[in-house]
Amino acid sequence: MYQPTLETLPRPELEALQLERLRATVRRIHDNNPRYAARLNGIGPDDLHTLDDIRRLPFTTKEDLRHGYPFGLACAPQKEFVRMHMSSGTTGTPIICPHTEADVQQWGEIMARCLTAATLTGSDTLQITPSFGLFNGGFGFHYGATAIGAFIVPIGAGRSPLQLQFMRDLGSTAIAAIASYPLRLMEVADKEGFDFRRDSKLRVGVFGSEIWSDEMRRRIEDKMGIESFDIIGMTESGGVGMGIDCVEHDGIHVWEDHYLVEIVNWETGEPAPDGEQGEMVVTTLTRQALPLIRFRTHDLTRVVSRQPCRCGRTHLKVARLSCRTDEMVKVKGINFFPKQVESVLLRHPDVGNDYLIVIDRVDGADQLTVKVETRGLPWPEELSQRLSDDLYNMIGLRAEVNILHPGELPRPEGKAVRVQDKRRK
């Protein structure tokens, strides 16, 4: 562990620390930003007697942060800002997330915990493939790797042939990436005759930023010969590193001394019982420049356990993020999520790694088409029918499945595009 004492705090002590830091966060808002304080329903730090009292505070949404552009909800003077990042959304007013020096130090601390949980040490070489720019990922991994003393290869996004060259020549033992990027690397490796097990020393992958299925995880691990770790976090909460799964791989530890997490019914906002799926709501406990109160993430998960883990950590475990409420697709009155489609497709060994869900309206009725690449199966009609049947059993909708040759689907830069809804045009 990177910080054994803090990572193994007994739950009563951990919750007492959370309450202390929650009060300090609310106090910081009241002391530094009257406009922000006015949103808190008149609740001050002295009104918070238990962690349950957080429910008296209002939710914060992305729209609230957009309305505060650029620094309307900041709780530190701009002269104390040392850097900023921007939410990865591509439309609307940007969400600017400033950092003080203390925020950067906090980010490095939680990222060091994450990398250590993923078995990295100062002897590892970490190849960082997320970009170093407005997107926060590259910098977060850099700070964490610096803290544990690892050798950093800060290559950033793209340039897949060079990524493979560096893996081989520099002896990279770990790779950090958005979850879909390993699929692209695997594709390029096949074309270049690069064998991850033979030509690299990779042993660990730390992936996040996207919802990715267990089926995708198995494909990546089998092909690259690595153990993968699912990392969570978002620009609004201060960056990647809010939590990660440990070597037990039975839930994602959330660093509760820095974040207070609630799971709520995404329609009513009421608390969801432990074990029941709901929307993850995050309150930051140690952020200075932009503290968040009950931020609605849109990510769906559930509490797995509040008991100590076999790894020794005592922090809350939540399930791997299953879906996003804002990614739910509705076709013919039936709701489903792209991850459900991915799970069906990638169970078939003859199906490639890339797919696209296309929704259109034809003669006034919704039409669902799934385009998927194969690995050269000679009877695509048979596979198409099998996949269509499996999708119907999963989501209750009949889809037309179009079988494509490898490489026919576009490969966009950055996060994978899985849904094309033509009804919105």
Foldseek 3Di string as FASTA:
>chain_A
DLDQCLQQPPVVVLQVLLLVLVLVVQQLQVVAAVVLNVQQQPDHSVNRDGPVCLVSGDEDEPVNQLVCPPQNRWSDDPVQFDDWAWFPDDDDRIRIGTAGPQLLVVLLVLLLVAVVLQVDALDAEEEEAAADDNAFRLVSNVSNCVVRNHHYNSPYHDPLVVVLVCQQPVQHQEYEEALCVLQVNLVVCVVVVHQLVPRGNHAEYEYEPDQADPLSLVVSCVRNVYHYKYWDDGSLLSHTRQWIDGPVLPFIFGSSSFKDKFFAAAVPRHGDPAPDKGWIFIFTRRGRTRTGRRYTPQWIWGWPDQDQDPVSGRGTGIHRGHAGNVQWDAFPNFTDHLNLLQVLQSVDQFWGNDKAWEWDADPNHIAIEIETEGPDDPDVVVVQVVSQVSVCVRGVDRHRYHYDHPPPDDDDTDDDHHYDYPVVD
